[in-house]
Amino acid sequence: MDPLKDGKRLILNKWIKRLSALKSQKKVVILEGQFNPQFAVDACKKYHISHYILILIHADQKTREHRLISNRNQPDLANADMNQWAEFLNRKIHELKGRVIDTSNSDVQSNLDEIINIIKEHLNLRSRDPYLFLNAISTTPLGSN
């Protein structure tokens, strides 16, 4: 057992439980953060949320490190652990049939448009359902270099 992972899973479960109460009030709910997407899927099952989208906002290592160092002034985060985490998230999202938005070579507006299009696509597909749960997981800011 890993206390850190267990703690993150517990916090994510609490958030998803809270968000599940919005089923009758909202069509789209966005939960953004950096967490293991499997934890989100498990919590959605636990709280009977069947309509959700996993989206990874991703950038290649070079772009991510440039943004962390130059744009965000957080050079301490440009390290091997962050790179491994980003690659884990990328693999896991693909495994769980989620969507990856690669922001490496695009601008903020293009990235936002892609997110909006994904939401619209799922709303159209599920128009009879009372709501859609959108789970966005980011490893980098949406911005361009």
Protein backbone atom coordinates (compact mmCIF):
# COMPACT_ATOMS: atom_id res chain seq x y z
CA MET A 1 0.00 0.00 0.00
CA ASP A 2 1.19 3.47 -0.87
CA PRO A 3 -0.18 6.12 1.53
CA LEU A 4 0.35 8.90 -1.02
CA LYS A 5 -1.58 7.07 -3.75
CA ASP A 6 -4.28 6.06 -1.27
CA GLY A 7 -4.63 9.70 -0.17
CA LYS A 8 -4.89 10.93 -3.76
CA ARG A 9 -7.48 8.25 -4.53
CA LEU A 10 -9.50 9.25 -1.45
CA ILE A 11 -9.47 12.96 -2.37
CA LEU A 12 -10.47 12.19 -5.95
CA ASN A 13 -13.31 9.97 -4.68
CA LYS A 14 -14.58 12.83 -2.50
CA TRP A 15 -14.56 15.25 -5.45
CA ILE A 16 -16.32 12.84 -7.77
CA LYS A 17 -18.91 12.05 -5.09
CA ARG A 18 -19.61 15.81 -4.78
CA LEU A 19 -19.79 16.21 -8.54
CA SER A 20 -22.12 13.23 -8.90
CA ALA A 21 -24.72 15.21 -6.95
CA LEU A 22 -24.87 17.64 -9.87
CA LYS A 23 -26.29 15.04 -12.27
CA SER A 24 -29.72 16.61 -12.42
CA GLN A 25 -28.44 20.20 -12.50
CA LYS A 26 -25.66 20.25 -15.10
CA LYS A 27 -24.98 18.85 -18.54
CA VAL A 28 -21.21 19.32 -18.28
CA VAL A 29 -19.02 19.15 -15.22
CA ILE A 30 -15.27 19.57 -15.55
CA LEU A 31 -12.83 18.19 -13.03
CA GLU A 32 -9.29 19.28 -13.84
CA GLY A 33 -6.17 18.04 -12.15
CA GLN A 34 -3.24 15.71 -12.25
CA PHE A 35 -4.32 12.29 -11.04
CA ASN A 36 -4.22 8.69 -12.07
CA PRO A 37 -7.04 8.35 -14.61
CA GLN A 38 -7.80 4.84 -13.36
CA PHE A 39 -8.72 6.36 -9.99
CA ALA A 40 -11.23 8.61 -11.79
CA VAL A 41 -12.75 5.68 -13.70
CA ASP A 42 -13.04 3.66 -10.49
CA ALA A 43 -14.71 6.56 -8.66
CA CYS A 44 -17.14 7.13 -11.55
CA LYS A 45 -18.17 3.48 -11.35
CA LYS A 46 -18.53 3.71 -7.57
CA TYR A 47 -20.84 6.74 -7.84
CA HIS A 48 -22.76 5.45 -10.87
CA ILE A 49 -21.40 7.99 -13.33
CA SER A 50 -21.44 6.28 -16.68
CA HIS A 51 -21.01 9.22 -19.05
CA TYR A 52 -17.63 10.86 -18.80
CA ILE A 53 -14.69 11.70 -20.98
CA LEU A 54 -11.07 11.37 -20.01
CA ILE A 55 -9.00 14.07 -21.69
CA LEU A 56 -5.28 14.46 -21.32
CA ILE A 57 -3.82 17.87 -22.10
CA HIS A 58 -0.33 16.80 -23.13
CA ALA A 59 2.88 18.18 -24.61
CA ASP A 60 6.10 16.52 -25.65
CA GLN A 61 8.99 16.60 -23.20
CA LYS A 62 10.87 19.44 -24.88
CA THR A 63 7.80 21.68 -24.97
CA ARG A 64 6.72 20.77 -21.44
CA GLU A 65 10.16 21.54 -20.04
CA HIS A 66 10.36 24.84 -21.93
CA ARG A 67 6.98 25.90 -20.55
CA LEU A 68 7.87 24.89 -17.03
CA ILE A 69 11.18 26.74 -17.12
CA SER A 70 10.41 29.80 -19.23
CA ASN A 71 6.67 30.40 -18.95
CA ARG A 72 5.88 29.19 -15.46
CA ASN A 73 9.24 29.80 -13.78
CA GLN A 74 9.15 26.31 -12.23
CA PRO A 75 12.42 24.73 -13.39
CA ASP A 76 12.34 22.29 -10.47
CA LEU A 77 9.39 20.55 -12.17
CA ALA A 78 11.34 19.90 -15.37
CA ASN A 79 12.73 16.59 -14.18
CA ALA A 80 12.69 12.86 -14.80
CA ASP A 81 9.79 12.27 -12.39
CA MET A 82 7.58 14.75 -14.26
CA ASN A 83 8.54 13.17 -17.58
CA GLN A 84 7.72 9.67 -16.30
CA TRP A 85 4.41 10.92 -14.90
CA ALA A 86 3.50 12.56 -18.23
CA GLU A 87 4.29 9.38 -20.14
CA PHE A 88 2.34 7.27 -17.63
CA LEU A 89 -0.69 9.54 -18.06
CA ASN A 90 -0.40 9.34 -21.84
CA ARG A 91 -0.25 5.52 -21.82
CA LYS A 92 -3.07 5.23 -19.27
CA ILE A 93 -5.40 7.57 -21.15
CA HIS A 94 -4.90 5.54 -24.33
CA GLU A 95 -5.48 2.31 -22.40
CA LEU A 96 -8.74 3.71 -21.00
CA LYS A 97 -9.86 4.93 -24.45
CA GLY A 98 -9.59 8.58 -23.45
CA ARG A 99 -8.65 11.50 -25.66
CA VAL A 100 -5.24 13.18 -25.85
CA ILE A 101 -4.89 16.79 -26.90
CA ASP A 102 -1.27 17.38 -27.84
CA THR A 103 -0.51 21.04 -27.19
CA SER A 104 3.14 20.84 -28.29
CA ASN A 105 2.68 22.77 -31.53
CA SER A 106 -0.63 24.58 -31.12
CA ASP A 107 -1.96 27.77 -29.60
CA VAL A 108 -4.33 28.24 -26.70
CA GLN A 109 -7.38 28.93 -28.89
CA SER A 110 -6.87 25.77 -30.97
CA ASN A 111 -6.57 23.70 -27.81
CA LEU A 112 -9.70 25.22 -26.28
CA ASP A 113 -11.57 24.67 -29.55
CA GLU A 114 -10.59 21.01 -29.48
CA ILE A 115 -11.87 20.62 -25.93
CA ILE A 116 -15.14 22.34 -26.86
CA ASN A 117 -15.53 20.11 -29.91
CA ILE A 118 -15.02 16.99 -27.82
CA ILE A 119 -17.69 18.18 -25.37
CA LYS A 120 -20.12 19.03 -28.18
CA GLU A 121 -19.51 15.66 -29.82
CA HIS A 122 -20.37 13.82 -26.62
CA LEU A 123 -23.37 16.02 -25.87
CA ASN A 124 -24.75 15.25 -29.33
CA LEU A 125 -24.13 11.54 -28.89
CA ARG A 126 -25.77 11.51 -25.48
CA SER A 127 -28.47 14.13 -25.92
CA ARG A 128 -31.03 12.03 -24.02
CA ASP A 129 -28.82 11.75 -20.94
CA PRO A 130 -29.27 14.28 -18.17
CA TYR A 131 -25.63 15.19 -17.92
CA LEU A 132 -22.12 14.56 -18.99
CA PHE A 133 -19.16 14.28 -16.69
CA LEU A 134 -15.94 15.57 -18.22
CA ASN A 135 -12.73 14.67 -16.55
CA ALA A 136 -9.81 16.72 -17.82
CA ILE A 137 -6.34 15.76 -16.76
CA SER A 138 -3.51 18.11 -17.61
CA THR A 139 0.23 17.72 -17.56
CA THR A 140 0.94 21.08 -19.15
CA PRO A 141 -0.73 24.45 -19.58
CA LEU A 142 -2.87 24.90 -22.67
CA GLY A 143 -0.67 27.68 -24.00
CA SER A 144 1.68 27.73 -26.88
CA ASN A 145 5.45 27.86 -26.53
